[in-house]
Amino acid sequence: MNRMSSMTLTELEQIIRNRKDHPNAKSYTAQLFASGINKIAQKVGEEATEVVVASLAQTRTDQINELADLFYHTLVLMAQLDLTLDDVGEELSRRHNETSHSPIDTSS
């Protein structure tokens, strides 16, 4: 899939937040929000396990599908917790800035 036809995580985050703010009973996303934090967190755990299994013994297509499921469910969890990709991005930037002043290890 080329970049022009790929959905970004930011676009998916916006769709998920819209489904949270405007629930539709037929929407799987709205059903997840209605089921509460415990169910959403459980789904993230299940999907993480499925990513591990797919990475070790399945096809590239299976790996992509499982990673997509994990990203989706993680974004649902983040929305439930009122966290955003920007929040996580800021933390990643902070970590990078802390370590970017260290010498690069080229021994491997």
N, C-alpha and C. Protein backbone atom coordinates (compact mmCIF):
# COMPACT_ATOMS: atom_id res chain seq x y z
N MET A 1 0.84 -1.16 0.00
CA MET A 1 0.00 0.00 0.00
C MET A 1 0.89 1.23 0.00
N ASN A 2 0.61 2.18 -0.88
CA ASN A 2 1.45 3.36 -0.92
C ASN A 2 1.01 4.37 0.14
N ARG A 3 1.85 5.30 0.42
CA ARG A 3 1.64 6.27 1.50
C ARG A 3 0.36 7.08 1.29
N MET A 4 0.01 7.37 0.05
CA MET A 4 -1.17 8.18 -0.22
C MET A 4 -2.45 7.48 0.21
N SER A 5 -2.48 6.15 0.19
CA SER A 5 -3.71 5.45 0.53
C SER A 5 -3.69 4.89 1.96
N SER A 6 -2.63 5.12 2.70
CA SER A 6 -2.53 4.62 4.07
C SER A 6 -3.22 5.57 5.04
N MET A 7 -3.93 4.97 6.00
CA MET A 7 -4.50 5.76 7.08
C MET A 7 -3.41 6.01 8.10
N THR A 8 -3.33 7.23 8.58
CA THR A 8 -2.34 7.53 9.61
C THR A 8 -2.93 7.23 10.99
N LEU A 9 -2.06 7.09 11.96
CA LEU A 9 -2.53 6.88 13.33
C LEU A 9 -3.31 8.10 13.83
N THR A 10 -2.93 9.28 13.38
CA THR A 10 -3.65 10.49 13.77
C THR A 10 -5.07 10.47 13.21
N GLU A 11 -5.22 10.04 11.97
CA GLU A 11 -6.56 9.93 11.39
C GLU A 11 -7.39 8.89 12.14
N LEU A 12 -6.80 7.76 12.45
CA LEU A 12 -7.52 6.73 13.20
C LEU A 12 -7.89 7.24 14.58
N GLU A 13 -6.97 7.96 15.22
CA GLU A 13 -7.26 8.53 16.54
C GLU A 13 -8.48 9.45 16.46
N GLN A 14 -8.57 10.26 15.41
CA GLN A 14 -9.71 11.17 15.26
C GLN A 14 -11.02 10.41 15.07
N ILE A 15 -10.99 9.34 14.29
CA ILE A 15 -12.18 8.52 14.07
C ILE A 15 -12.64 7.90 15.39
N ILE A 16 -11.68 7.36 16.14
CA ILE A 16 -12.00 6.72 17.42
C ILE A 16 -12.60 7.73 18.39
N ARG A 17 -12.00 8.90 18.48
CA ARG A 17 -12.52 9.94 19.39
C ARG A 17 -13.91 10.40 18.96
N ASN A 18 -14.15 10.46 17.67
CA ASN A 18 -15.48 10.81 17.17
C ASN A 18 -16.51 9.75 17.57
N ARG A 19 -16.11 8.48 17.49
CA ARG A 19 -17.03 7.40 17.89
C ARG A 19 -17.27 7.42 19.40
N LYS A 20 -16.28 7.85 20.16
CA LYS A 20 -16.47 7.97 21.61
C LYS A 20 -17.44 9.10 21.92
N ASP A 21 -17.27 10.22 21.23
CA ASP A 21 -18.11 11.40 21.48
C ASP A 21 -19.52 11.26 20.91
N HIS A 22 -19.66 10.47 19.84
CA HIS A 22 -20.95 10.30 19.16
C HIS A 22 -21.20 8.81 18.95
N PRO A 23 -21.51 8.08 20.03
CA PRO A 23 -21.64 6.62 19.93
C PRO A 23 -22.79 6.19 19.02
N ASN A 24 -22.54 5.10 18.32
CA ASN A 24 -23.54 4.44 17.48
C ASN A 24 -23.56 2.99 17.94
N ALA A 25 -24.72 2.49 18.29
CA ALA A 25 -24.83 1.15 18.87
C ALA A 25 -24.26 0.07 17.96
N LYS A 26 -24.21 0.32 16.66
CA LYS A 26 -23.69 -0.66 15.71
C LYS A 26 -22.16 -0.61 15.59
N SER A 27 -21.55 0.39 16.16
CA SER A 27 -20.11 0.59 16.05
C SER A 27 -19.36 -0.27 17.08
N TYR A 28 -18.42 -1.08 16.60
CA TYR A 28 -17.58 -1.87 17.50
C TYR A 28 -16.83 -0.96 18.47
N THR A 29 -16.37 0.16 17.98
CA THR A 29 -15.64 1.10 18.82
C THR A 29 -16.52 1.61 19.96
N ALA A 30 -17.74 2.00 19.62
CA ALA A 30 -18.67 2.47 20.65
C ALA A 30 -18.98 1.36 21.65
N GLN A 31 -19.09 0.14 21.17
CA GLN A 31 -19.34 -0.99 22.07
C GLN A 31 -18.17 -1.19 23.03
N LEU A 32 -16.96 -1.02 22.52
CA LEU A 32 -15.79 -1.13 23.41
C LEU A 32 -15.84 -0.06 24.49
N PHE A 33 -16.11 1.18 24.11
CA PHE A 33 -16.19 2.25 25.11
C PHE A 33 -17.27 1.94 26.14
N ALA A 34 -18.40 1.43 25.69
CA ALA A 34 -19.50 1.11 26.60
C ALA A 34 -19.13 -0.02 27.56
N SER A 35 -18.24 -0.90 27.12
CA SER A 35 -17.86 -2.05 27.96
C SER A 35 -16.90 -1.66 29.08
N GLY A 36 -16.26 -0.51 28.97
CA GLY A 36 -15.44 0.01 30.06
C GLY A 36 -13.95 -0.29 29.94
N ILE A 37 -13.22 0.32 30.84
CA ILE A 37 -11.76 0.28 30.82
C ILE A 37 -11.20 -1.14 30.97
N ASN A 38 -11.82 -1.96 31.81
CA ASN A 38 -11.29 -3.31 32.01
C ASN A 38 -11.31 -4.12 30.71
N LYS A 39 -12.42 -4.05 29.99
CA LYS A 39 -12.54 -4.79 28.73
C LYS A 39 -11.57 -4.24 27.68
N ILE A 40 -11.46 -2.93 27.61
CA ILE A 40 -10.55 -2.31 26.64
C ILE A 40 -9.11 -2.72 26.94
N ALA A 41 -8.71 -2.64 28.19
CA ALA A 41 -7.35 -3.03 28.58
C ALA A 41 -7.10 -4.51 28.29
N GLN A 42 -8.10 -5.33 28.55
CA GLN A 42 -7.99 -6.77 28.24
C GLN A 42 -7.75 -6.99 26.75
N LYS A 43 -8.48 -6.24 25.91
CA LYS A 43 -8.31 -6.38 24.46
C LYS A 43 -6.90 -5.99 24.03
N VAL A 44 -6.35 -4.93 24.63
CA VAL A 44 -4.98 -4.53 24.30
C VAL A 44 -4.01 -5.66 24.65
N GLY A 45 -4.19 -6.26 25.82
CA GLY A 45 -3.35 -7.38 26.22
C GLY A 45 -3.46 -8.56 25.27
N GLU A 46 -4.67 -8.90 24.87
CA GLU A 46 -4.88 -10.01 23.93
C GLU A 46 -4.20 -9.72 22.60
N GLU A 47 -4.38 -8.50 22.11
CA GLU A 47 -3.78 -8.15 20.82
C GLU A 47 -2.26 -8.14 20.89
N ALA A 48 -1.71 -7.70 22.01
CA ALA A 48 -0.25 -7.71 22.18
C ALA A 48 0.28 -9.14 22.11
N THR A 49 -0.42 -10.05 22.75
CA THR A 49 -0.02 -11.47 22.71
C THR A 49 -0.10 -12.00 21.28
N GLU A 50 -1.16 -11.62 20.56
CA GLU A 50 -1.31 -12.08 19.17
C GLU A 50 -0.20 -11.52 18.27
N VAL A 51 0.27 -10.32 18.56
CA VAL A 51 1.40 -9.75 17.81
C VAL A 51 2.65 -10.59 18.05
N VAL A 52 2.89 -10.96 19.28
CA VAL A 52 4.06 -11.79 19.61
C VAL A 52 3.98 -13.12 18.86
N VAL A 53 2.84 -13.77 18.92
CA VAL A 53 2.67 -15.06 18.23
C VAL A 53 2.87 -14.89 16.72
N ALA A 54 2.27 -13.87 16.15
CA ALA A 54 2.39 -13.65 14.70
C ALA A 54 3.83 -13.34 14.31
N SER A 55 4.54 -12.62 15.15
CA SER A 55 5.92 -12.27 14.80
C SER A 55 6.83 -13.49 14.78
N LEU A 56 6.47 -14.50 15.54
CA LEU A 56 7.32 -15.68 15.64
C LEU A 56 6.96 -16.79 14.66
N ALA A 57 5.71 -16.84 14.22
CA ALA A 57 5.33 -18.04 13.48
C ALA A 57 4.32 -17.82 12.37
N GLN A 58 4.04 -16.58 12.00
CA GLN A 58 3.01 -16.38 10.99
C GLN A 58 3.53 -15.55 9.82
N THR A 59 2.64 -15.35 8.85
CA THR A 59 3.03 -14.65 7.63
C THR A 59 3.09 -13.14 7.85
N ARG A 60 3.71 -12.47 6.93
CA ARG A 60 3.79 -11.01 6.96
C ARG A 60 2.39 -10.39 7.02
N THR A 61 1.46 -10.94 6.25
CA THR A 61 0.09 -10.44 6.26
C THR A 61 -0.52 -10.58 7.65
N ASP A 62 -0.33 -11.74 8.28
CA ASP A 62 -0.83 -11.95 9.64
C ASP A 62 -0.19 -10.95 10.61
N GLN A 63 1.10 -10.72 10.45
CA GLN A 63 1.80 -9.78 11.33
C GLN A 63 1.24 -8.38 11.18
N ILE A 64 1.01 -7.95 9.95
CA ILE A 64 0.44 -6.62 9.70
C ILE A 64 -0.96 -6.52 10.30
N ASN A 65 -1.77 -7.56 10.09
CA ASN A 65 -3.13 -7.55 10.64
C ASN A 65 -3.14 -7.46 12.16
N GLU A 66 -2.28 -8.23 12.79
CA GLU A 66 -2.23 -8.21 14.26
C GLU A 66 -1.70 -6.89 14.80
N LEU A 67 -0.71 -6.32 14.12
CA LEU A 67 -0.21 -5.01 14.53
C LEU A 67 -1.28 -3.94 14.36
N ALA A 68 -2.04 -4.01 13.28
CA ALA A 68 -3.14 -3.06 13.08
C ALA A 68 -4.15 -3.18 14.21
N ASP A 69 -4.48 -4.41 14.60
CA ASP A 69 -5.41 -4.62 15.72
C ASP A 69 -4.86 -4.02 17.01
N LEU A 70 -3.57 -4.22 17.26
CA LEU A 70 -2.95 -3.68 18.47
C LEU A 70 -2.96 -2.16 18.46
N PHE A 71 -2.60 -1.56 17.33
CA PHE A 71 -2.61 -0.09 17.25
C PHE A 71 -4.02 0.43 17.50
N TYR A 72 -5.02 -0.18 16.85
CA TYR A 72 -6.40 0.26 17.01
C TYR A 72 -6.84 0.17 18.47
N HIS A 73 -6.65 -0.98 19.09
CA HIS A 73 -7.10 -1.16 20.47
C HIS A 73 -6.32 -0.26 21.44
N THR A 74 -5.05 -0.02 21.16
CA THR A 74 -4.26 0.89 21.98
C THR A 74 -4.82 2.31 21.88
N LEU A 75 -5.20 2.73 20.68
CA LEU A 75 -5.78 4.06 20.52
C LEU A 75 -7.14 4.17 21.22
N VAL A 76 -7.91 3.10 21.23
CA VAL A 76 -9.17 3.09 21.97
C VAL A 76 -8.88 3.25 23.46
N LEU A 77 -7.91 2.51 23.97
CA LEU A 77 -7.52 2.62 25.37
C LEU A 77 -7.05 4.04 25.69
N MET A 78 -6.24 4.59 24.83
CA MET A 78 -5.76 5.96 25.05
C MET A 78 -6.92 6.95 25.10
N ALA A 79 -7.89 6.81 24.21
CA ALA A 79 -9.04 7.71 24.21
C ALA A 79 -9.83 7.55 25.50
N GLN A 80 -9.98 6.32 25.96
CA GLN A 80 -10.70 6.08 27.22
C GLN A 80 -9.98 6.74 28.39
N LEU A 81 -8.66 6.78 28.33
CA LEU A 81 -7.85 7.39 29.39
C LEU A 81 -7.63 8.89 29.17
N ASP A 82 -8.22 9.43 28.10
CA ASP A 82 -8.03 10.84 27.71
C ASP A 82 -6.57 11.17 27.46
N LEU A 83 -5.87 10.23 26.83
CA LEU A 83 -4.49 10.44 26.38
C LEU A 83 -4.51 10.57 24.86
N THR A 84 -3.54 11.27 24.31
CA THR A 84 -3.47 11.46 22.86
C THR A 84 -2.13 10.99 22.32
N LEU A 85 -2.07 10.87 21.01
CA LEU A 85 -0.79 10.57 20.36
C LEU A 85 0.22 11.68 20.65
N ASP A 86 -0.25 12.91 20.75
CA ASP A 86 0.66 14.01 21.10
C ASP A 86 1.26 13.81 22.48
N ASP A 87 0.45 13.33 23.43
CA ASP A 87 0.98 13.06 24.77
C ASP A 87 2.12 12.05 24.70
N VAL A 88 1.90 10.98 23.97
CA VAL A 88 2.92 9.93 23.84
C VAL A 88 4.11 10.46 23.05
N GLY A 89 3.84 11.24 22.00
CA GLY A 89 4.92 11.83 21.20
C GLY A 89 5.81 12.73 22.03
N GLU A 90 5.20 13.50 22.93
CA GLU A 90 5.99 14.36 23.81
C GLU A 90 6.91 13.55 24.71
N GLU A 91 6.40 12.43 25.22
CA GLU A 91 7.23 11.57 26.07
C GLU A 91 8.37 10.96 25.27
N LEU A 92 8.07 10.53 24.05
CA LEU A 92 9.13 9.96 23.21
C LEU A 92 10.18 11.01 22.89
N SER A 93 9.76 12.23 22.63
CA SER A 93 10.72 13.32 22.38
C SER A 93 11.58 13.58 23.60
N ARG A 94 10.94 13.59 24.77
CA ARG A 94 11.69 13.81 26.00
C ARG A 94 12.76 12.74 26.18
N ARG A 95 12.37 11.49 25.94
CA ARG A 95 13.33 10.38 26.08
C ARG A 95 14.45 10.51 25.07
N HIS A 96 14.11 10.87 23.85
CA HIS A 96 15.13 11.03 22.81
C HIS A 96 16.10 12.14 23.19
N ASN A 97 15.58 13.24 23.69
CA ASN A 97 16.43 14.36 24.07
C ASN A 97 17.34 14.00 25.22
N GLU A 98 16.87 13.15 26.13
CA GLU A 98 17.71 12.72 27.26
C GLU A 98 18.87 11.85 26.78
N THR A 99 18.59 11.02 25.79
CA THR A 99 19.62 10.06 25.35
C THR A 99 20.43 10.55 24.15
N SER A 100 19.97 11.57 23.46
CA SER A 100 20.67 12.00 22.25
C SER A 100 22.00 12.66 22.54
N HIS A 101 22.23 13.00 23.78
CA HIS A 101 23.51 13.61 24.15
C HIS A 101 24.54 12.58 24.56
N SER A 102 24.13 11.31 24.56
CA SER A 102 25.05 10.24 24.92
C SER A 102 25.81 9.80 23.68
N PRO A 103 27.03 9.29 23.85
CA PRO A 103 27.76 8.77 22.70
C PRO A 103 27.00 7.59 22.09
N ILE A 104 27.06 7.46 20.80
CA ILE A 104 26.38 6.37 20.10
C ILE A 104 27.25 5.12 20.21
N ASP A 105 26.62 4.02 20.59
CA ASP A 105 27.31 2.73 20.70
C ASP A 105 27.32 2.08 19.32
N THR A 106 28.48 1.96 18.73
CA THR A 106 28.60 1.35 17.39
C THR A 106 29.25 -0.03 17.46
N SER A 107 29.29 -0.63 18.65
CA SER A 107 29.98 -1.90 18.79
C SER A 107 29.22 -3.08 18.25
N SER A 108 27.90 -2.94 17.98
CA SER A 108 27.16 -4.11 17.49
C SER A 108 27.14 -4.20 15.99
